[in-house]
Every structure is written in C-alpha cells, then in structure tokens.
Amino acid sequence: NKKMKKKLELSETLQKKLDSVYPPNVCPSCKEEFKKKTHVIQHLVDYHAGEEPYRCIASDCKRTKAYATREGLVYHLANYHDGDN
C-alpha cells in the first residue's frame, strides 16, 4: 500500500552521529543499557514518564525543544537537518 507512512531514514552521517550521542539501546536519562531498543522505550515509559531526554544533536540548531522519544528527535533531524530537506 503506497499510502503507508514511509519510515524516516537519516543520512548515514547523521545516523552515525545520532547513534554516538544517543545509542539506541541505552537510556538517555539514566544511561542504563538494554539488549533491545524496544526495552529502552518501555523503560522510558516506566521510569522516566514526562521527561524529554533527547535534545537536538545539530550544533547550529536554533530550536530548543526537547523530545520524549528517539523517534521524535529523528523526525526533527530528518525535517530540519538532513541534507536534501
């Protein structure tokens, strides 16, 4: 179905930077490490509800909004900082 939302993909450079700042299997709030990314998401819901631990990784970003989820940050990066946007 072509109407399905396309999964946001970042350029390789931006993805590598994101993974180095926010490893997908590490809690951004308390740095606890998990086997799977989905476990991090559940941990954030259970232990850090209401927090917005993800901040933009682009040094020239003028936006000060923080994000509760990694996906929220990825959406921001894809729309404001990735090469062809």
PDB file of N, CA and C in Angstrom:
ATOM      1  N   ASN A   1       0.842  -1.194   0.000  1.00  0.00           N
ATOM      2  CA  ASN A   1       0.000   0.000   0.000  1.00  0.00           C
ATOM      3  C   ASN A   1       0.882   1.250   0.000  1.00  0.00           C
ATOM      4  N   LYS A   2       0.738   2.061  -1.012  1.00  0.00           N
ATOM      5  CA  LYS A   2       1.598   3.243  -1.157  1.00  0.00           C
ATOM      6  C   LYS A   2       1.232   4.370  -0.206  1.00  0.00           C
ATOM      7  N   LYS A   3       0.073   4.279   0.429  1.00  0.00           N
ATOM      8  CA  LYS A   3      -0.333   5.327   1.353  1.00  0.00           C
ATOM      9  C   LYS A   3       0.284   5.164   2.735  1.00  0.00           C
ATOM     10  N   MET A   4       0.927   4.040   2.966  1.00  0.00           N
ATOM     11  CA  MET A   4       1.563   3.823   4.268  1.00  0.00           C
ATOM     12  C   MET A   4       2.679   4.839   4.473  1.00  0.00           C
ATOM     13  N   LYS A   5       2.830   5.257   5.711  1.00  0.00           N
ATOM     14  CA  LYS A   5       3.881   6.217   6.023  1.00  0.00           C
ATOM     15  C   LYS A   5       5.247   5.577   5.827  1.00  0.00           C
ATOM     16  N   LYS A   6       6.119   6.301   5.154  1.00  0.00           N
ATOM     17  CA  LYS A   6       7.480   5.812   4.964  1.00  0.00           C
ATOM     18  C   LYS A   6       8.251   6.011   6.270  1.00  0.00           C
ATOM     19  N   LYS A   7       9.001   5.006   6.671  1.00  0.00           N
ATOM     20  CA  LYS A   7       9.815   5.128   7.878  1.00  0.00           C
ATOM     21  C   LYS A   7      10.885   6.185   7.611  1.00  0.00           C
ATOM     22  N   LEU A   8      11.047   7.077   8.542  1.00  0.00           N
ATOM     23  CA  LEU A   8      12.049   8.117   8.369  1.00  0.00           C
ATOM     24  C   LEU A   8      13.446   7.517   8.411  1.00  0.00           C
ATOM     25  N   GLU A   9      14.239   7.870   7.433  1.00  0.00           N
ATOM     26  CA  GLU A   9      15.623   7.409   7.420  1.00  0.00           C
ATOM     27  C   GLU A   9      16.532   8.622   7.332  1.00  0.00           C
ATOM     28  N   LEU A  10      17.532   8.618   8.175  1.00  0.00           N
ATOM     29  CA  LEU A  10      18.508   9.702   8.178  1.00  0.00           C
ATOM     30  C   LEU A  10      19.667   9.334   7.266  1.00  0.00           C
ATOM     31  N   SER A  11      20.395  10.340   6.837  1.00  0.00           N
ATOM     32  CA  SER A  11      21.611  10.076   6.069  1.00  0.00           C
ATOM     33  C   SER A  11      22.559   9.280   6.970  1.00  0.00           C
ATOM     34  N   GLU A  12      23.476   8.558   6.360  1.00  0.00           N
ATOM     35  CA  GLU A  12      24.405   7.719   7.130  1.00  0.00           C
ATOM     36  C   GLU A  12      25.202   8.553   8.135  1.00  0.00           C
ATOM     37  N   THR A  13      25.640   9.729   7.715  1.00  0.00           N
ATOM     38  CA  THR A  13      26.431  10.606   8.585  1.00  0.00           C
ATOM     39  C   THR A  13      25.639  11.030   9.816  1.00  0.00           C
ATOM     40  N   LEU A  14      24.405  11.475   9.576  1.00  0.00           N
ATOM     41  CA  LEU A  14      23.568  11.932  10.681  1.00  0.00           C
ATOM     42  C   LEU A  14      23.180  10.760  11.588  1.00  0.00           C
ATOM     43  N   GLN A  15      22.912   9.599  10.999  1.00  0.00           N
ATOM     44  CA  GLN A  15      22.568   8.409  11.788  1.00  0.00           C
ATOM     45  C   GLN A  15      23.723   8.008  12.697  1.00  0.00           C
ATOM     46  N   LYS A  16      24.945   8.062  12.161  1.00  0.00           N
ATOM     47  CA  LYS A  16      26.121   7.707  12.969  1.00  0.00           C
ATOM     48  C   LYS A  16      26.303   8.683  14.126  1.00  0.00           C
ATOM     49  N   LYS A  17      26.077   9.965  13.858  1.00  0.00           N
ATOM     50  CA  LYS A  17      26.207  10.968  14.915  1.00  0.00           C
ATOM     51  C   LYS A  17      25.142  10.733  15.990  1.00  0.00           C
ATOM     52  N   LEU A  18      23.912  10.471  15.552  1.00  0.00           N
ATOM     53  CA  LEU A  18      22.826  10.210  16.495  1.00  0.00           C
ATOM     54  C   LEU A  18      23.155   8.995  17.359  1.00  0.00           C
ATOM     55  N   ASP A  19      23.620   7.916  16.729  1.00  0.00           N
ATOM     56  CA  ASP A  19      23.944   6.698  17.477  1.00  0.00           C
ATOM     57  C   ASP A  19      25.101   6.898  18.448  1.00  0.00           C
ATOM     58  N   SER A  20      26.014   7.795  18.115  1.00  0.00           N
ATOM     59  CA  SER A  20      27.133   8.040  19.031  1.00  0.00           C
ATOM     60  C   SER A  20      26.695   8.882  20.230  1.00  0.00           C
ATOM     61  N   VAL A  21      25.773   9.808  20.010  1.00  0.00           N
ATOM     62  CA  VAL A  21      25.278  10.654  21.102  1.00  0.00           C
ATOM     63  C   VAL A  21      24.210   9.918  21.915  1.00  0.00           C
ATOM     64  N   TYR A  22      23.302   9.257  21.202  1.00  0.00           N
ATOM     65  CA  TYR A  22      22.206   8.517  21.831  1.00  0.00           C
ATOM     66  C   TYR A  22      22.188   7.082  21.306  1.00  0.00           C
ATOM     67  N   PRO A  23      23.020   6.197  21.846  1.00  0.00           N
ATOM     68  CA  PRO A  23      22.995   4.803  21.391  1.00  0.00           C
ATOM     69  C   PRO A  23      21.574   4.247  21.536  1.00  0.00           C
ATOM     70  N   PRO A  24      21.076   3.520  20.525  1.00  0.00           N
ATOM     71  CA  PRO A  24      19.682   3.070  20.539  1.00  0.00           C
ATOM     72  C   PRO A  24      19.314   2.147  21.700  1.00  0.00           C
ATOM     73  N   ASN A  25      20.290   1.484  22.304  1.00  0.00           N
ATOM     74  CA  ASN A  25      19.964   0.555  23.386  1.00  0.00           C
ATOM     75  C   ASN A  25      20.388   1.065  24.769  1.00  0.00           C
ATOM     76  N   VAL A  26      20.556   2.391  24.887  1.00  0.00           N
ATOM     77  CA  VAL A  26      20.932   2.995  26.170  1.00  0.00           C
ATOM     78  C   VAL A  26      19.908   4.081  26.530  1.00  0.00           C
ATOM     79  N   CYS A  27      19.468   4.054  27.778  1.00  0.00           N
ATOM     80  CA  CYS A  27      18.527   5.076  28.236  1.00  0.00           C
ATOM     81  C   CYS A  27      19.225   6.439  28.248  1.00  0.00           C
ATOM     82  N   PRO A  28      18.631   7.440  27.591  1.00  0.00           N
ATOM     83  CA  PRO A  28      19.252   8.770  27.555  1.00  0.00           C
ATOM     84  C   PRO A  28      19.172   9.497  28.899  1.00  0.00           C
ATOM     85  N   SER A  29      18.283   9.047  29.775  1.00  0.00           N
ATOM     86  CA  SER A  29      18.141   9.705  31.077  1.00  0.00           C
ATOM     87  C   SER A  29      19.117   9.182  32.114  1.00  0.00           C
ATOM     88  N   CYS A  30      19.172   7.852  32.257  1.00  0.00           N
ATOM     89  CA  CYS A  30      19.997   7.287  33.335  1.00  0.00           C
ATOM     90  C   CYS A  30      21.167   6.446  32.820  1.00  0.00           C
ATOM     91  N   LYS A  31      21.286   6.313  31.505  1.00  0.00           N
ATOM     92  CA  LYS A  31      22.399   5.597  30.851  1.00  0.00           C
ATOM     93  C   LYS A  31      22.391   4.084  31.079  1.00  0.00           C
ATOM     94  N   GLU A  32      21.262   3.545  31.570  1.00  0.00           N
ATOM     95  CA  GLU A  32      21.169   2.092  31.714  1.00  0.00           C
ATOM     96  C   GLU A  32      21.150   1.456  30.325  1.00  0.00           C
ATOM     97  N   GLU A  33      21.853   0.326  30.201  1.00  0.00           N
ATOM     98  CA  GLU A  33      21.968  -0.339  28.902  1.00  0.00           C
ATOM     99  C   GLU A  33      20.989  -1.512  28.815  1.00  0.00           C
ATOM    100  N   PHE A  34      20.406  -1.695  27.631  1.00  0.00           N
ATOM    101  CA  PHE A  34      19.431  -2.750  27.403  1.00  0.00           C
ATOM    102  C   PHE A  34      19.817  -3.577  26.185  1.00  0.00           C
ATOM    103  N   LYS A  35      19.258  -4.794  26.105  1.00  0.00           N
ATOM    104  CA  LYS A  35      19.555  -5.671  24.967  1.00  0.00           C
ATOM    105  C   LYS A  35      18.889  -5.175  23.686  1.00  0.00           C
ATOM    106  N   LYS A  36      17.714  -4.571  23.836  1.00  0.00           N
ATOM    107  CA  LYS A  36      16.949  -4.143  22.658  1.00  0.00           C
ATOM    108  C   LYS A  36      16.466  -2.706  22.801  1.00  0.00           C
ATOM    109  N   LYS A  37      16.307  -2.062  21.663  1.00  0.00           N
ATOM    110  CA  LYS A  37      15.796  -0.690  21.628  1.00  0.00           C
ATOM    111  C   LYS A  37      14.384  -0.615  22.224  1.00  0.00           C
ATOM    112  N   THR A  38      13.573  -1.650  21.965  1.00  0.00           N
ATOM    113  CA  THR A  38      12.207  -1.649  22.497  1.00  0.00           C
ATOM    114  C   THR A  38      12.203  -1.665  24.025  1.00  0.00           C
ATOM    115  N   HIS A  39      13.232  -2.264  24.623  1.00  0.00           N
ATOM    116  CA  HIS A  39      13.333  -2.280  26.084  1.00  0.00           C
ATOM    117  C   HIS A  39      13.624  -0.877  26.614  1.00  0.00           C
ATOM    118  N   VAL A  40      14.389  -0.108  25.859  1.00  0.00           N
ATOM    119  CA  VAL A  40      14.675   1.282  26.246  1.00  0.00           C
ATOM    120  C   VAL A  40      13.375   2.080  26.230  1.00  0.00           C
ATOM    121  N   ILE A  41      12.587   1.877  25.184  1.00  0.00           N
ATOM    122  CA  ILE A  41      11.315   2.600  25.055  1.00  0.00           C
ATOM    123  C   ILE A  41      10.407   2.284  26.240  1.00  0.00           C
ATOM    124  N   GLN A  42      10.300   1.001  26.593  1.00  0.00           N
ATOM    125  CA  GLN A  42       9.462   0.594  27.727  1.00  0.00           C
ATOM    126  C   GLN A  42      10.011   1.156  29.039  1.00  0.00           C
ATOM    127  N   HIS A  43      11.325   1.134  29.186  1.00  0.00           N
ATOM    128  CA  HIS A  43      11.980   1.682  30.380  1.00  0.00           C
ATOM    129  C   HIS A  43      11.667   3.175  30.528  1.00  0.00           C
ATOM    130  N   LEU A  44      11.721   3.909  29.436  1.00  0.00           N
ATOM    131  CA  LEU A  44      11.415   5.343  29.481  1.00  0.00           C
ATOM    132  C   LEU A  44       9.983   5.574  29.943  1.00  0.00           C
ATOM    133  N   VAL A  45       9.062   4.752  29.448  1.00  0.00           N
ATOM    134  CA  VAL A  45       7.654   4.860  29.852  1.00  0.00           C
ATOM    135  C   VAL A  45       7.506   4.554  31.342  1.00  0.00           C
ATOM    136  N   ASP A  46       8.158   3.477  31.791  1.00  0.00           N
ATOM    137  CA  ASP A  46       8.005   3.025  33.176  1.00  0.00           C
ATOM    138  C   ASP A  46       8.719   3.901  34.201  1.00  0.00           C
ATOM    139  N   TYR A  47       9.905   4.395  33.859  1.00  0.00           N
ATOM    140  CA  TYR A  47      10.742   5.083  34.850  1.00  0.00           C
ATOM    141  C   TYR A  47      10.979   6.574  34.604  1.00  0.00           C
ATOM    142  N   HIS A  48      10.762   7.017  33.391  1.00  0.00           N
ATOM    143  CA  HIS A  48      11.067   8.418  33.083  1.00  0.00           C
ATOM    144  C   HIS A  48       9.902   9.129  32.395  1.00  0.00           C
ATOM    145  N   ALA A  49       8.688   8.728  32.716  1.00  0.00           N
ATOM    146  CA  ALA A  49       7.500   9.337  32.105  1.00  0.00           C
ATOM    147  C   ALA A  49       7.498  10.842  32.339  1.00  0.00           C
ATOM    148  N   GLY A  50       7.198  11.578  31.287  1.00  0.00           N
ATOM    149  CA  GLY A  50       7.143  13.030  31.397  1.00  0.00           C
ATOM    150  C   GLY A  50       8.467  13.713  31.128  1.00  0.00           C
ATOM    151  N   GLU A  51       9.541  12.954  31.080  1.00  0.00           N
ATOM    152  CA  GLU A  51      10.846  13.546  30.789  1.00  0.00           C
ATOM    153  C   GLU A  51      11.019  13.703  29.278  1.00  0.00           C
ATOM    154  N   GLU A  52      11.870  14.613  28.894  1.00  0.00           N
ATOM    155  CA  GLU A  52      12.211  14.816  27.481  1.00  0.00           C
ATOM    156  C   GLU A  52      13.733  14.805  27.371  1.00  0.00           C
ATOM    157  N   PRO A  53      14.330  13.600  27.397  1.00  0.00           N
ATOM    158  CA  PRO A  53      15.781  13.491  27.484  1.00  0.00           C
ATOM    159  C   PRO A  53      16.537  13.692  26.169  1.00  0.00           C
ATOM    160  N   TYR A  54      15.819  13.696  25.054  1.00  0.00           N
ATOM    161  CA  TYR A  54      16.508  13.817  23.761  1.00  0.00           C
ATOM    162  C   TYR A  54      16.563  15.274  23.319  1.00  0.00           C
ATOM    163  N   ARG A  55      17.764  15.746  23.042  1.00  0.00           N
ATOM    164  CA  ARG A  55      17.967  17.116  22.543  1.00  0.00           C
ATOM    165  C   ARG A  55      18.590  17.039  21.162  1.00  0.00           C
ATOM    166  N   CYS A  56      18.383  18.060  20.363  1.00  0.00           N
ATOM    167  CA  CYS A  56      18.932  18.064  19.013  1.00  0.00           C
ATOM    168  C   CYS A  56      20.459  17.952  19.053  1.00  0.00           C
ATOM    169  N   ILE A  57      21.001  17.165  18.128  1.00  0.00           N
ATOM    170  CA  ILE A  57      22.445  16.936  18.070  1.00  0.00           C
ATOM    171  C   ILE A  57      23.143  17.860  17.067  1.00  0.00           C
ATOM    172  N   ALA A  58      22.359  18.672  16.359  1.00  0.00           N
ATOM    173  CA  ALA A  58      22.959  19.604  15.396  1.00  0.00           C
ATOM    174  C   ALA A  58      23.440  20.843  16.150  1.00  0.00           C
ATOM    175  N   SER A  59      24.717  21.129  16.034  1.00  0.00           N
ATOM    176  CA  SER A  59      25.302  22.228  16.821  1.00  0.00           C
ATOM    177  C   SER A  59      24.729  23.593  16.463  1.00  0.00           C
ATOM    178  N   ASP A  60      24.227  23.742  15.233  1.00  0.00           N
ATOM    179  CA  ASP A  60      23.707  25.043  14.806  1.00  0.00           C
ATOM    180  C   ASP A  60      22.185  25.146  14.934  1.00  0.00           C
ATOM    181  N   CYS A  61      21.568  24.208  15.615  1.00  0.00           N
ATOM    182  CA  CYS A  61      20.108  24.200  15.721  1.00  0.00           C
ATOM    183  C   CYS A  61      19.621  25.346  16.601  1.00  0.00           C
ATOM    184  N   LYS A  62      18.645  26.067  16.094  1.00  0.00           N
ATOM    185  CA  LYS A  62      18.088  27.208  16.826  1.00  0.00           C
ATOM    186  C   LYS A  62      16.897  26.789  17.695  1.00  0.00           C
ATOM    187  N   ARG A  63      16.405  25.587  17.471  1.00  0.00           N
ATOM    188  CA  ARG A  63      15.240  25.117  18.224  1.00  0.00           C
ATOM    189  C   ARG A  63      15.694  24.576  19.576  1.00  0.00           C
ATOM    190  N   THR A  64      14.950  24.890  20.614  1.00  0.00           N
ATOM    191  CA  THR A  64      15.336  24.469  21.949  1.00  0.00           C
ATOM    192  C   THR A  64      14.456  23.336  22.472  1.00  0.00           C
ATOM    193  N   LYS A  65      13.506  22.889  21.655  1.00  0.00           N
ATOM    194  CA  LYS A  65      12.596  21.820  22.064  1.00  0.00           C
ATOM    195  C   LYS A  65      13.365  20.538  22.366  1.00  0.00           C
ATOM    196  N   ALA A  66      12.947  19.847  23.394  1.00  0.00           N
ATOM    197  CA  ALA A  66      13.489  18.520  23.715  1.00  0.00           C
ATOM    198  C   ALA A  66      12.427  17.493  23.336  1.00  0.00           C
ATOM    199  N   TYR A  67      12.838  16.244  23.224  1.00  0.00           N
ATOM    200  CA  TYR A  67      11.945  15.197  22.750  1.00  0.00           C
ATOM    201  C   TYR A  67      11.870  14.060  23.754  1.00  0.00           C
ATOM    202  N   ALA A  68      10.666  13.515  23.924  1.00  0.00           N
ATOM    203  CA  ALA A  68      10.452  12.409  24.855  1.00  0.00           C
ATOM    204  C   ALA A  68      10.922  11.090  24.253  1.00  0.00           C
ATOM    205  N   THR A  69      10.922  11.022  22.914  1.00  0.00           N
ATOM    206  CA  THR A  69      11.303   9.768  22.251  1.00  0.00           C
ATOM    207  C   THR A  69      12.419  10.002  21.243  1.00  0.00           C
ATOM    208  N   ARG A  70      13.145   8.954  20.972  1.00  0.00           N
ATOM    209  CA  ARG A  70      14.205   8.996  19.959  1.00  0.00           C
ATOM    210  C   ARG A  70      13.575   9.273  18.589  1.00  0.00           C
ATOM    211  N   GLU A  71      12.386   8.696  18.357  1.00  0.00           N
ATOM    212  CA  GLU A  71      11.699   8.900  17.084  1.00  0.00           C
ATOM    213  C   GLU A  71      11.323  10.365  16.882  1.00  0.00           C
ATOM    214  N   GLY A  72      10.949  11.034  17.967  1.00  0.00           N
ATOM    215  CA  GLY A  72      10.639  12.463  17.872  1.00  0.00           C
ATOM    216  C   GLY A  72      11.860  13.251  17.429  1.00  0.00           C
ATOM    217  N   LEU A  73      13.003  12.897  17.980  1.00  0.00           N
ATOM    218  CA  LEU A  73      14.254  13.549  17.587  1.00  0.00           C
ATOM    219  C   LEU A  73      14.614  13.208  16.143  1.00  0.00           C
ATOM    220  N   VAL A  74      14.433  11.946  15.755  1.00  0.00           N
ATOM    221  CA  VAL A  74      14.720  11.532  14.376  1.00  0.00           C
ATOM    222  C   VAL A  74      13.854  12.320  13.397  1.00  0.00           C
ATOM    223  N   TYR A  75      12.574  12.491  13.725  1.00  0.00           N
ATOM    224  CA  TYR A  75      11.663  13.262  12.879  1.00  0.00           C
ATOM    225  C   TYR A  75      12.176  14.694  12.718  1.00  0.00           C
ATOM    226  N   HIS A  76      12.577  15.297  13.824  1.00  0.00           N
ATOM    227  CA  HIS A  76      13.129  16.656  13.796  1.00  0.00           C
ATOM    228  C   HIS A  76      14.381  16.707  12.913  1.00  0.00           C
ATOM    229  N   LEU A  77      15.297  15.776  13.123  1.00  0.00           N
ATOM    230  CA  LEU A  77      16.550  15.746  12.354  1.00  0.00           C
ATOM    231  C   LEU A  77      16.280  15.576  10.865  1.00  0.00           C
ATOM    232  N   ALA A  78      15.373  14.666  10.540  1.00  0.00           N
ATOM    233  CA  ALA A  78      15.057  14.398   9.132  1.00  0.00           C
ATOM    234  C   ALA A  78      14.450  15.622   8.457  1.00  0.00           C
ATOM    235  N   ASN A  79      13.633  16.353   9.192  1.00  0.00           N
ATOM    236  CA  ASN A  79      12.944  17.503   8.606  1.00  0.00           C
ATOM    237  C   ASN A  79      13.734  18.805   8.617  1.00  0.00           C
ATOM    238  N   TYR A  80      14.657  18.950   9.553  1.00  0.00           N
ATOM    239  CA  TYR A  80      15.376  20.224   9.667  1.00  0.00           C
ATOM    240  C   TYR A  80      16.873  20.171   9.372  1.00  0.00           C
ATOM    241  N   HIS A  81      17.481  19.011   9.478  1.00  0.00           N
ATOM    242  CA  HIS A  81      18.934  18.980   9.388  1.00  0.00           C
ATOM    243  C   HIS A  81      19.508  18.011   8.365  1.00  0.00           C
ATOM    244  N   ASP A  82      18.677  17.202   7.728  1.00  0.00           N
ATOM    245  CA  ASP A  82      19.237  16.223   6.806  1.00  0.00           C
ATOM    246  C   ASP A  82      19.340  16.833   5.418  1.00  0.00           C
ATOM    247  N   GLY A  83      20.497  16.674   4.823  1.00  0.00           N
ATOM    248  CA  GLY A  83      20.923  17.217   3.544  1.00  0.00           C
ATOM    249  C   GLY A  83      19.908  17.697   2.536  1.00  0.00           C
ATOM    250  N   ASP A  84      19.010  16.830   2.080  1.00  0.00           N
ATOM    251  CA  ASP A  84      18.147  17.220   0.964  1.00  0.00           C
ATOM    252  C   ASP A  84      16.816  17.815   1.382  1.00  0.00           C
ATOM    253  N   ASN A  85      16.687  18.253   2.632  1.00  0.00           N
ATOM    254  CA  ASN A  85      15.430  18.883   3.068  1.00  0.00           C
ATOM    255  C   ASN A  85      15.565  20.383   3.120  1.00  0.00           C
TER     256      ASN A  85
END
